[in-house]
Amino acid sequence: MSVMKTTGNLSQNQKMILKIWKKYLGNRHIGVDDDFLSIGGDSLTGAAVLSRIEDKTGMRVPVGILFNRGTVNSLCRYIEENSSDASERFRFLVPIKESGGRKPLICVHTDNGDTTTYRYIGAYMERERPVLALRFRMNKMKWPAPLTFDFIARQYAGEIIRNDPDGPYFICGYCWGGVLAFKIASVLKDEGREIGMLAMFDSAAKGKGIYVSRRRAGLLKVIRNKVRAGIDELKGKSMRVQMRIIKRKVGNVFKFLRLNISRRIYRYGHRTSNPLLMGIAQKTGALDYAYQTFKPDHYNGKIHYFKSTKGREGKIRHQEYWEQMADEVEVIEIECHHNDLVVGDSAEKLAGHMSGIMESIDA
């Protein structure tokens, strides 16, 4: 059990968390009762903060503790009141929402390897349903080079079974994470395990399967299309909402550039057998390489495919691809843009649909 030792006016844990918040929020004036979101916290900084706290304390603080009016003091209380034993049992599973006695919903990380993407799903999930997430950690084991979805999925499936040997398992994934969720569910099925639900949110497969884009768009063209889509999304919105969309879109463009560069570095490092370059690319390059080279096999089960209805050409093609890759596909449309699918009202609708599916299996 962690103990908060007091030095001066603040405990050691309070000082440690304050230091982490100041580093990642770029704000030197933070109080122990300041709300993380109100002082500029977001998904990216939240993931970094939680990861750093785990490195320092060995505790996996649930995402909901940070994003539901989380303060330095509330994080300290959680660390003080909870043993790190459960955290040490698992390398990849982390809590999004801990309450509830039913079988958990397991969310698969997206291309950045973090889990804060699913904080809204956790917030809107039914009271009795715990929500866990799989997070990719470079330092938790020796990963092979090049990294593959097959290897990742087998490690994750093993941990899912250790957490709950009996099943059935409810697995979901947004975008990139849905494709990895597809592979994890396939591995579990191959081992004779029952999949209660496989839910994929706007997921598109790459690689050399049936889905192949008509032609590879150049980097500048992709960025131009993203900007155009962002401009269309601004129409009819208030100034406050427009600023929030612009901030998110700019972040998405930089994220896309970072992923593209990391993947190229990782690919070149693998081709030239240069471990230094592969190390420079870090997890973003390794994960994106694994995604780009993954070729799915047929899934002997049902997919619940949640599809946003606005923006992005080619969504019908993605849907048709998965319909050929599974025994059965049920499509549920959510009226929103792709980037809004796991936030706000759209996330509430997602959580509601999934709750109904899981409750029917529980019964």
Protein backbone atom coordinates (compact mmCIF):
# COMPACT_ATOMS: atom_id res chain seq x y z
CA MET A 1 0.00 0.00 0.00
CA SER A 2 1.41 3.39 -0.98
CA VAL A 3 1.81 5.86 1.87
CA MET A 4 1.76 9.63 1.42
CA LYS A 5 4.74 10.97 3.30
CA THR A 6 4.46 14.63 4.12
CA THR A 7 7.37 16.98 3.56
CA GLY A 8 6.49 20.58 4.38
CA ASN A 9 2.98 21.51 3.29
CA LEU A 10 2.68 18.92 0.51
CA SER A 11 3.11 15.16 0.55
CA GLN A 12 5.71 13.48 -1.65
CA ASN A 13 2.97 12.13 -3.92
CA GLN A 14 1.38 15.55 -4.26
CA LYS A 15 4.73 17.07 -5.20
CA MET A 16 5.41 14.26 -7.66
CA ILE A 17 2.03 14.61 -9.40
CA LEU A 18 2.25 18.41 -9.45
CA LYS A 19 5.64 18.16 -11.14
CA ILE A 20 4.23 15.79 -13.77
CA TRP A 21 1.22 18.02 -14.44
CA LYS A 22 3.39 21.11 -14.79
CA LYS A 23 5.69 19.33 -17.23
CA TYR A 24 2.99 18.07 -19.57
CA LEU A 25 0.54 20.95 -19.25
CA GLY A 26 3.23 23.62 -19.59
CA ASN A 27 1.74 25.49 -16.63
CA ARG A 28 3.80 26.45 -13.59
CA HIS A 29 0.81 27.66 -11.56
CA ILE A 30 -1.22 24.56 -10.71
CA GLY A 31 -2.99 23.94 -7.43
CA VAL A 32 -3.72 20.56 -5.84
CA ASP A 33 -7.47 21.12 -6.31
CA ASP A 34 -7.36 22.34 -9.93
CA ASP A 35 -9.49 20.32 -12.39
CA PHE A 36 -7.25 18.66 -14.99
CA LEU A 37 -9.53 19.47 -17.93
CA SER A 38 -10.19 23.07 -16.85
CA ILE A 39 -6.47 23.90 -16.92
CA GLY A 40 -5.86 22.60 -20.42
CA GLY A 41 -5.66 18.81 -20.06
CA ASP A 42 -6.65 16.66 -23.04
CA SER A 43 -6.30 13.08 -24.31
CA LEU A 44 -2.64 13.39 -25.29
CA THR A 45 -1.46 15.07 -22.10
CA GLY A 46 -3.70 12.77 -20.03
CA ALA A 47 -2.10 9.67 -21.53
CA ALA A 48 1.37 11.06 -20.80
CA VAL A 49 0.43 12.01 -17.24
CA LEU A 50 -1.06 8.60 -16.41
CA SER A 51 1.89 6.78 -17.97
CA ARG A 52 4.39 8.86 -15.98
CA ILE A 53 2.47 8.34 -12.73
CA GLU A 54 2.53 4.59 -13.32
CA ASP A 55 6.28 4.72 -13.97
CA LYS A 56 6.79 6.58 -10.69
CA THR A 57 4.39 4.71 -8.40
CA GLY A 58 3.59 1.37 -10.04
CA MET A 59 -0.11 2.31 -9.85
CA ARG A 60 -2.42 2.21 -12.86
CA VAL A 61 -4.78 5.07 -12.13
CA PRO A 62 -8.11 4.66 -13.98
CA VAL A 63 -8.66 7.11 -16.82
CA GLY A 64 -11.94 8.19 -15.23
CA ILE A 65 -10.18 9.38 -12.06
CA LEU A 66 -8.21 11.90 -14.12
CA PHE A 67 -10.88 13.02 -16.59
CA ASN A 68 -13.88 13.17 -14.22
CA ARG A 69 -12.95 16.39 -12.42
CA GLY A 70 -9.58 14.90 -11.59
CA THR A 71 -7.24 16.87 -9.33
CA VAL A 72 -3.81 16.29 -7.86
CA ASN A 73 -5.50 15.48 -4.57
CA SER A 74 -7.98 12.98 -6.08
CA LEU A 75 -5.12 11.14 -7.79
CA CYS A 76 -3.17 11.09 -4.53
CA ARG A 77 -6.16 9.65 -2.68
CA TYR A 78 -6.51 6.86 -5.23
CA ILE A 79 -2.81 6.00 -4.98
CA GLU A 80 -2.98 6.05 -1.18
CA GLU A 81 -6.11 3.88 -0.94
CA ASN A 82 -5.31 1.21 -3.53
CA SER A 83 -2.68 -1.48 -3.48
CA SER A 84 -0.40 -1.82 -6.50
CA ASP A 85 -0.77 -5.63 -6.43
CA ALA A 86 -3.41 -5.66 -9.18
CA SER A 87 -1.33 -3.29 -11.30
CA GLU A 88 1.67 -5.60 -11.12
CA ARG A 89 -0.36 -8.63 -12.29
CA PHE A 90 -0.99 -7.18 -15.73
CA ARG A 91 1.31 -5.63 -18.28
CA PHE A 92 -1.24 -4.21 -20.69
CA LEU A 93 -4.74 -4.07 -19.15
CA VAL A 94 -5.57 -0.77 -17.47
CA PRO A 95 -8.86 0.39 -15.91
CA ILE A 96 -11.06 3.01 -17.58
CA LYS A 97 -14.00 2.39 -15.23
CA GLU A 98 -13.64 -0.03 -12.32
CA SER A 99 -17.14 -0.20 -10.84
CA GLY A 100 -19.53 -3.03 -11.61
CA GLY A 101 -19.66 -6.80 -11.28
CA ARG A 102 -20.49 -7.83 -14.85
CA LYS A 103 -18.06 -9.05 -17.51
CA PRO A 104 -15.87 -6.09 -18.54
CA LEU A 105 -15.83 -4.30 -21.86
CA ILE A 106 -12.26 -4.43 -23.19
CA CYS A 107 -11.19 -1.52 -25.43
CA VAL A 108 -8.18 -1.92 -27.72
CA HIS A 109 -5.77 1.01 -28.01
CA THR A 110 -5.47 3.01 -31.22
CA ASP A 111 -2.31 3.83 -33.16
CA ASN A 112 -0.70 5.84 -30.36
CA GLY A 113 -0.85 2.87 -27.97
CA ASP A 114 -2.72 4.80 -25.26
CA THR A 115 -6.16 4.34 -23.73
CA THR A 116 -7.57 7.83 -23.09
CA THR A 117 -9.47 7.55 -26.40
CA TYR A 118 -12.11 5.55 -24.50
CA ARG A 119 -12.69 7.84 -21.53
CA TYR A 120 -16.13 8.90 -22.82
CA ILE A 121 -17.15 5.29 -23.41
CA GLY A 122 -16.24 4.60 -19.78
CA ALA A 123 -18.16 7.64 -18.56
CA TYR A 124 -21.34 6.65 -20.40
CA MET A 125 -21.17 2.90 -19.82
CA GLU A 126 -23.83 1.32 -17.62
CA ARG A 127 -23.08 1.35 -13.91
CA GLU A 128 -22.54 -2.40 -13.52
CA ARG A 129 -20.17 -2.80 -16.49
CA PRO A 130 -16.43 -2.34 -15.83
CA VAL A 131 -14.42 -0.94 -18.73
CA LEU A 132 -10.81 -2.00 -19.24
CA ALA A 133 -8.40 -1.04 -22.00
CA LEU A 134 -5.32 -2.57 -23.56
CA ARG A 135 -2.35 -0.22 -23.65
CA PHE A 136 0.85 -0.82 -25.59
CA ARG A 137 4.00 -0.49 -23.49
CA MET A 138 7.41 -0.74 -25.12
CA ASN A 139 9.15 -1.46 -21.82
CA LYS A 140 6.87 -4.29 -20.64
CA MET A 141 8.50 -7.01 -22.71
CA LYS A 142 10.93 -7.67 -25.54
CA TRP A 143 8.98 -6.96 -28.71
CA PRO A 144 10.16 -8.55 -31.97
CA ALA A 145 11.34 -6.51 -34.93
CA PRO A 146 9.49 -6.05 -37.12
CA LEU A 147 6.42 -5.88 -34.91
CA THR A 148 3.29 -7.71 -36.12
CA PHE A 149 -0.38 -7.69 -35.18
CA ASP A 150 -0.20 -11.45 -34.76
CA PHE A 151 2.41 -11.16 -32.00
CA ILE A 152 0.66 -8.24 -30.27
CA ALA A 153 -2.72 -9.99 -30.39
CA ARG A 154 -1.34 -13.18 -28.84
CA GLN A 155 0.17 -11.26 -25.91
CA TYR A 156 -3.08 -9.35 -25.36
CA ALA A 157 -5.24 -12.48 -25.67
CA GLY A 158 -3.12 -14.20 -23.03
CA GLU A 159 -3.60 -11.30 -20.63
CA ILE A 160 -7.34 -11.17 -21.29
CA ILE A 161 -7.57 -14.86 -20.37
CA ARG A 162 -5.47 -14.34 -17.21
CA ASN A 163 -7.84 -11.57 -16.15
CA ASP A 164 -10.93 -13.74 -16.85
CA PRO A 165 -10.34 -17.42 -17.70
CA ASP A 166 -14.00 -18.13 -18.49
CA GLY A 167 -15.34 -15.40 -20.78
CA PRO A 168 -17.38 -14.56 -22.75
CA TYR A 169 -15.29 -11.62 -23.89
CA PHE A 170 -16.59 -8.24 -25.02
CA ILE A 171 -14.00 -6.49 -27.18
CA CYS A 172 -14.16 -3.20 -29.06
CA GLY A 173 -11.80 -0.90 -30.94
CA TYR A 174 -11.95 2.51 -32.58
CA CYS A 175 -10.45 3.02 -36.06
CA TRP A 176 -6.99 1.35 -36.04
CA GLY A 177 -7.84 -0.32 -32.73
CA GLY A 178 -10.82 -2.08 -34.27
CA VAL A 179 -8.55 -3.92 -36.68
CA LEU A 180 -6.35 -5.12 -33.81
CA ALA A 181 -9.51 -6.05 -31.86
CA PHE A 182 -10.51 -8.19 -34.88
CA LYS A 183 -7.20 -10.06 -34.64
CA ILE A 184 -7.43 -10.48 -30.85
CA ALA A 185 -10.95 -11.91 -31.15
CA SER A 186 -9.70 -14.30 -33.85
CA VAL A 187 -6.88 -15.53 -31.60
CA LEU A 188 -9.28 -16.07 -28.69
CA LYS A 189 -11.70 -17.97 -30.94
CA ASP A 190 -8.88 -20.14 -32.27
CA GLU A 191 -8.17 -21.09 -28.64
CA GLY A 192 -11.78 -22.16 -28.13
CA ARG A 193 -12.85 -19.06 -26.19
CA GLU A 194 -16.28 -17.45 -26.53
CA ILE A 195 -16.54 -13.94 -27.96
CA GLY A 196 -19.67 -12.24 -26.68
CA MET A 197 -19.19 -9.11 -28.79
CA LEU A 198 -16.66 -7.82 -31.29
CA ALA A 199 -17.41 -4.15 -31.96
CA MET A 200 -15.44 -2.14 -34.51
CA PHE A 201 -15.81 1.64 -34.83
CA ASP A 202 -15.10 3.01 -38.34
CA SER A 203 -12.25 0.53 -38.80
CA ALA A 204 -10.45 0.17 -42.13
CA ALA A 205 -7.99 -2.59 -42.95
CA LYS A 206 -4.73 -1.91 -44.77
CA GLY A 207 -2.27 -4.46 -46.09
CA LYS A 208 -2.92 -6.79 -49.02
CA GLY A 209 -6.42 -8.03 -48.38
CA ILE A 210 -9.52 -7.50 -50.54
CA TYR A 211 -9.57 -3.82 -49.54
CA VAL A 212 -6.91 -1.98 -51.51
CA SER A 213 -7.13 1.75 -52.11
CA ARG A 214 -7.52 2.71 -55.74
CA ARG A 215 -4.30 4.65 -55.68
CA ARG A 216 -1.93 5.86 -53.02
CA ALA A 217 -2.51 9.49 -52.29
CA GLY A 218 0.53 11.70 -51.84
CA LEU A 219 1.25 13.14 -48.41
CA LEU A 220 0.29 16.69 -49.39
CA LYS A 221 -2.96 15.49 -50.94
CA VAL A 222 -3.92 13.63 -47.77
CA ILE A 223 -3.25 16.73 -45.67
CA ARG A 224 -5.23 18.88 -48.12
CA ASN A 225 -8.20 16.51 -47.89
CA LYS A 226 -8.04 16.61 -44.09
CA VAL A 227 -8.10 20.43 -44.16
CA ARG A 228 -11.07 20.46 -46.55
CA ALA A 229 -12.98 18.01 -44.36
CA GLY A 230 -12.24 20.24 -41.36
CA ILE A 231 -13.58 23.32 -43.16
CA ASP A 232 -16.80 21.49 -44.02
CA GLU A 233 -17.19 20.47 -40.38
CA LEU A 234 -16.98 24.12 -39.23
CA LYS A 235 -20.08 25.18 -41.15
CA GLY A 236 -23.00 26.20 -38.96
CA LYS A 237 -21.05 25.87 -35.70
CA SER A 238 -20.63 28.52 -33.01
CA MET A 239 -17.27 30.28 -32.65
CA ARG A 240 -16.49 28.31 -29.48
CA VAL A 241 -17.20 24.99 -31.17
CA GLN A 242 -15.23 26.07 -34.26
CA MET A 243 -12.15 26.83 -32.15
CA ARG A 244 -12.39 23.43 -30.50
CA ILE A 245 -12.69 21.72 -33.90
CA ILE A 246 -9.74 23.71 -35.31
CA LYS A 247 -7.56 22.77 -32.35
CA ARG A 248 -8.45 19.10 -32.77
CA LYS A 249 -7.92 19.16 -36.54
CA VAL A 250 -4.50 20.81 -36.25
CA GLY A 251 -3.54 18.18 -33.68
CA ASN A 252 -4.73 15.43 -36.03
CA VAL A 253 -2.62 16.78 -38.91
CA PHE A 254 0.51 16.85 -36.73
CA LYS A 255 -0.31 13.38 -35.45
CA PHE A 256 -0.65 12.12 -39.04
CA LEU A 257 2.70 13.65 -39.99
CA ARG A 258 4.40 12.16 -36.93
CA LEU A 259 2.97 8.71 -37.66
CA ASN A 260 3.96 8.91 -41.31
CA ILE A 261 7.53 9.91 -40.51
CA SER A 262 7.86 7.33 -37.71
CA ARG A 263 6.59 4.55 -39.97
CA ARG A 264 9.05 5.48 -42.73
CA ILE A 265 11.94 5.53 -40.26
CA TYR A 266 10.90 2.17 -38.79
CA ARG A 267 10.44 0.60 -42.23
CA TYR A 268 13.85 1.85 -43.40
CA GLY A 269 15.46 0.67 -40.15
CA HIS A 270 13.99 -2.80 -40.64
CA ARG A 271 15.02 -2.95 -44.30
CA THR A 272 18.61 -1.94 -43.47
CA SER A 273 18.76 -4.01 -40.24
CA ASN A 274 19.43 -0.84 -38.27
CA PRO A 275 18.09 -1.21 -34.69
CA LEU A 276 19.04 2.41 -33.90
CA LEU A 277 16.61 3.76 -36.50
CA MET A 278 13.90 1.37 -35.35
CA GLY A 279 14.45 2.61 -31.81
CA ILE A 280 14.17 6.23 -32.93
CA ALA A 281 10.78 5.46 -34.49
CA GLN A 282 9.65 4.14 -31.08
CA LYS A 283 6.16 2.74 -30.53
CA THR A 284 4.37 4.92 -33.10
CA GLY A 285 6.55 3.66 -35.93
CA ALA A 286 6.43 0.05 -34.75
CA LEU A 287 2.65 0.00 -34.28
CA ASP A 288 1.90 1.71 -37.57
CA TYR A 289 4.22 -0.67 -39.41
CA ALA A 290 2.37 -3.62 -37.83
CA TYR A 291 -0.96 -2.16 -38.94
CA GLN A 292 0.18 -1.40 -42.48
CA THR A 293 1.48 -4.95 -43.00
CA PHE A 294 -1.44 -6.83 -41.42
CA LYS A 295 -3.57 -9.05 -43.66
CA PRO A 296 -6.73 -10.28 -41.87
CA ASP A 297 -8.05 -13.81 -42.20
CA HIS A 298 -11.75 -14.69 -42.20
CA TYR A 299 -13.42 -14.28 -38.79
CA ASN A 300 -15.74 -17.11 -37.77
CA GLY A 301 -18.20 -14.97 -35.90
CA LYS A 302 -20.23 -11.76 -35.88
CA ILE A 303 -18.97 -8.18 -36.08
CA HIS A 304 -20.95 -5.21 -34.81
CA TYR A 305 -19.68 -2.46 -37.12
CA PHE A 306 -20.37 1.08 -35.90
CA LYS A 307 -20.13 3.55 -38.77
CA SER A 308 -20.11 7.36 -38.66
CA THR A 309 -22.30 8.78 -41.41
CA LYS A 310 -20.56 12.10 -42.13
CA GLY A 311 -17.41 12.83 -44.13
CA ARG A 312 -14.72 10.45 -45.40
CA GLU A 313 -15.19 8.85 -48.77
CA GLY A 314 -14.78 5.09 -48.92
CA LYS A 315 -16.72 4.12 -45.79
CA ILE A 316 -19.03 1.87 -47.79
CA ARG A 317 -15.95 0.11 -49.18
CA HIS A 318 -14.63 -0.47 -45.65
CA GLN A 319 -18.01 -1.88 -44.59
CA GLU A 320 -18.18 -4.16 -47.61
CA TYR A 321 -14.67 -5.42 -46.87
CA TRP A 322 -15.58 -6.57 -43.34
CA GLU A 323 -18.81 -8.12 -44.62
CA GLN A 324 -16.62 -10.42 -46.72
CA MET A 325 -14.27 -11.13 -43.81
CA ALA A 326 -16.79 -12.37 -41.23
CA ASP A 327 -19.68 -14.81 -40.96
CA GLU A 328 -22.03 -11.94 -40.09
CA VAL A 329 -21.80 -8.15 -39.85
CA GLU A 330 -24.39 -5.90 -38.23
CA VAL A 331 -23.95 -2.24 -39.18
CA ILE A 332 -25.03 0.44 -36.70
CA GLU A 333 -24.87 4.01 -38.04
CA ILE A 334 -24.04 6.95 -35.80
CA GLU A 335 -24.74 10.42 -37.21
CA CYS A 336 -21.40 12.15 -36.72
CA HIS A 337 -17.92 12.60 -38.20
CA HIS A 338 -15.25 9.95 -37.72
CA ASN A 339 -13.29 11.95 -35.13
CA ASP A 340 -16.46 12.54 -33.07
CA LEU A 341 -17.46 8.88 -32.87
CA VAL A 342 -15.97 8.24 -29.42
CA VAL A 343 -16.68 11.62 -27.81
CA GLY A 344 -19.73 13.43 -26.47
CA ASP A 345 -23.22 12.44 -27.60
CA SER A 346 -21.87 9.94 -30.14
CA ALA A 347 -19.95 8.10 -27.42
CA GLU A 348 -23.11 8.00 -25.32
CA LYS A 349 -24.98 6.37 -28.23
CA LEU A 350 -22.11 3.91 -28.74
CA ALA A 351 -22.09 2.98 -25.07
CA GLY A 352 -25.86 2.54 -25.10
CA HIS A 353 -25.81 0.24 -28.15
CA MET A 354 -22.98 -1.86 -26.74
CA SER A 355 -24.67 -2.09 -23.34
CA GLY A 356 -27.76 -3.57 -25.00
CA ILE A 357 -25.67 -6.10 -26.93
CA MET A 358 -23.72 -7.16 -23.85
CA GLU A 359 -26.81 -7.38 -21.66
CA SER A 360 -28.42 -9.76 -24.16
CA ILE A 361 -25.35 -12.02 -23.88
CA ASP A 362 -25.27 -11.74 -20.06
CA ALA A 363 -28.88 -12.85 -19.91
